[in-house]
Amino acid sequence: MTLPRPAALRALAVTTVLSVLLVACGGGNDAVTTPPDTDADVSVVGLDNLQWNETALEAEAGEISVALTCEGGVNHNFVIDETDEVVAECAPGETDEGTVELDAGQYTFVCTIPGHERSMRGTLTVN
């Protein structure tokens, strides 16, 4: 029986590690990280890492349409914290649109899915 040389073992180890890293980094992932084109007044993406793609949104007072898109692996919702109103909610890879009536002011939008609210908070400025 012949044992592999140390250099061959190192080359095999490096190749294995690089292969694992390339697979883990994706490349073929269909994750959505930017909102699709919609006619909504504001658009936001709930990311799989429990963050919003944007944490500062702006709209005109009155009826505001919101497009919420979920990245590829996690459900999210878009809730106005001050009114506790669920405006939109979506499944992974989906987009949902809803509307909310708001006066001028600053509002906090959150995802209230358990475990998400702490890191998924943003400000909606209504003019």
Protein backbone atom coordinates (compact mmCIF):
# COMPACT_ATOMS: atom_id res chain seq x y z
CA MET A 1 0.00 0.00 0.00
CA THR A 2 1.36 3.42 -0.99
CA LEU A 3 0.59 6.42 1.23
CA PRO A 4 -0.10 9.79 -0.45
CA ARG A 5 2.61 12.40 -0.24
CA PRO A 6 2.09 15.42 2.06
CA ALA A 7 1.96 17.79 -0.94
CA ALA A 8 -0.77 15.70 -2.56
CA LEU A 9 -2.75 15.69 0.69
CA ARG A 10 -2.46 19.49 0.97
CA ALA A 11 -3.60 19.91 -2.64
CA LEU A 12 -6.57 17.63 -1.99
CA ALA A 13 -7.45 19.54 1.20
CA VAL A 14 -7.25 22.93 -0.57
CA THR A 15 -9.39 21.67 -3.46
CA THR A 16 -11.99 20.30 -1.05
CA VAL A 17 -12.16 23.54 0.97
CA LEU A 18 -12.43 25.68 -2.16
CA SER A 19 -15.21 23.46 -3.53
CA VAL A 20 -17.18 23.76 -0.29
CA LEU A 21 -16.74 27.54 -0.24
CA LEU A 22 -17.88 27.91 -3.85
CA VAL A 23 -21.00 25.84 -3.20
CA ALA A 24 -21.76 27.75 0.02
CA CYS A 25 -21.39 31.13 -1.71
CA GLY A 26 -23.99 30.16 -4.26
CA GLY A 27 -23.88 31.67 -7.68
CA GLY A 28 -26.99 29.87 -8.86
CA ASN A 29 -29.15 31.40 -6.13
CA ASP A 30 -32.38 33.02 -7.30
CA ALA A 31 -32.62 35.19 -4.17
CA VAL A 32 -34.25 38.59 -4.66
CA THR A 33 -32.32 41.40 -2.99
CA THR A 34 -33.79 44.37 -4.87
CA PRO A 35 -37.50 45.09 -5.25
CA PRO A 36 -39.12 44.14 -8.54
CA ASP A 37 -40.59 46.94 -10.65
CA THR A 38 -44.04 47.81 -9.33
CA ASP A 39 -46.29 50.84 -9.30
CA ALA A 40 -46.18 50.88 -5.48
CA ASP A 41 -45.31 54.10 -3.67
CA VAL A 42 -42.66 52.26 -1.64
CA SER A 43 -40.93 48.94 -2.21
CA VAL A 44 -38.82 46.95 0.22
CA VAL A 45 -37.22 43.50 0.34
CA GLY A 46 -37.15 41.35 3.47
CA LEU A 47 -33.80 39.57 3.33
CA ASP A 48 -33.04 36.05 4.55
CA ASN A 49 -30.54 37.44 7.08
CA LEU A 50 -33.47 39.17 8.86
CA GLN A 51 -32.69 42.65 7.57
CA TRP A 52 -34.48 45.06 5.22
CA ASN A 53 -32.70 45.99 2.01
CA GLU A 54 -33.65 49.62 2.86
CA THR A 55 -34.28 51.03 6.32
CA ALA A 56 -35.38 54.52 5.24
CA LEU A 57 -38.45 54.90 3.03
CA GLU A 58 -40.39 58.01 1.99
CA ALA A 59 -43.92 58.56 0.67
CA GLU A 60 -46.59 61.21 0.30
CA ALA A 61 -49.38 61.44 2.90
CA GLY A 62 -52.65 59.69 2.13
CA GLU A 63 -53.13 56.18 0.82
CA ILE A 64 -49.66 54.65 0.43
CA SER A 65 -49.12 51.46 -1.55
CA VAL A 66 -46.39 49.16 -0.28
CA ALA A 67 -44.72 46.34 -2.23
CA LEU A 68 -43.01 43.78 0.01
CA THR A 69 -40.77 41.15 -1.55
CA CYS A 70 -39.33 38.23 0.40
CA GLU A 71 -35.89 36.94 -0.51
CA GLY A 72 -35.66 33.24 -1.30
CA GLY A 73 -35.84 31.51 2.10
CA VAL A 74 -37.86 33.35 4.78
CA ASN A 75 -41.40 34.74 5.25
CA HIS A 76 -41.77 38.41 6.21
CA ASN A 77 -44.45 41.00 6.82
CA PHE A 78 -44.53 44.81 6.72
CA VAL A 79 -46.24 46.30 9.76
CA ILE A 80 -46.60 49.95 10.75
CA ASP A 81 -45.53 49.84 14.40
CA GLU A 82 -47.59 52.85 15.51
CA THR A 83 -50.86 51.44 14.15
CA ASP A 84 -50.04 47.72 14.44
CA GLU A 85 -51.42 47.38 10.90
CA VAL A 86 -50.14 44.53 8.72
CA VAL A 87 -49.82 46.16 5.31
CA ALA A 88 -48.27 43.25 3.37
CA GLU A 89 -46.92 39.75 3.99
CA CYS A 90 -45.18 37.31 1.70
CA ALA A 91 -43.71 33.86 1.36
CA PRO A 92 -40.10 33.25 0.22
CA GLY A 93 -39.52 34.47 -3.33
CA GLU A 94 -42.94 36.18 -3.48
CA THR A 95 -44.13 39.80 -3.56
CA ASP A 96 -47.26 41.13 -1.88
CA GLU A 97 -48.76 44.60 -2.15
CA GLY A 98 -50.98 46.40 0.29
CA THR A 99 -52.05 49.91 1.20
CA VAL A 100 -52.11 51.99 4.34
CA GLU A 101 -53.59 55.43 5.04
CA LEU A 102 -51.08 57.66 6.87
CA ASP A 103 -50.86 61.34 7.77
CA ALA A 104 -47.60 63.25 7.49
CA GLY A 105 -45.03 62.16 10.07
CA GLN A 106 -42.44 59.51 10.80
CA TYR A 107 -43.44 55.91 11.28
CA THR A 108 -41.55 52.76 12.15
CA PHE A 109 -42.03 49.75 9.90
CA VAL A 110 -41.19 46.31 11.26
CA CYS A 111 -41.45 42.64 10.46
CA THR A 112 -43.38 41.03 13.30
CA ILE A 113 -42.61 37.41 12.41
CA PRO A 114 -41.28 35.93 15.69
CA GLY A 115 -37.55 36.59 15.96
CA HIS A 116 -37.48 39.20 13.17
CA GLU A 117 -38.67 42.41 14.87
CA ARG A 118 -35.43 43.17 16.68
CA SER A 119 -33.35 43.46 13.50
CA MET A 120 -36.04 44.33 10.95
CA ARG A 121 -36.94 47.93 11.78
CA GLY A 122 -36.95 50.96 9.51
CA THR A 123 -38.34 54.47 9.22
CA LEU A 124 -41.09 55.54 6.83
CA THR A 125 -41.17 59.31 6.44
CA VAL A 126 -44.54 60.54 5.20
CA ASN A 127 -44.60 64.07 3.74
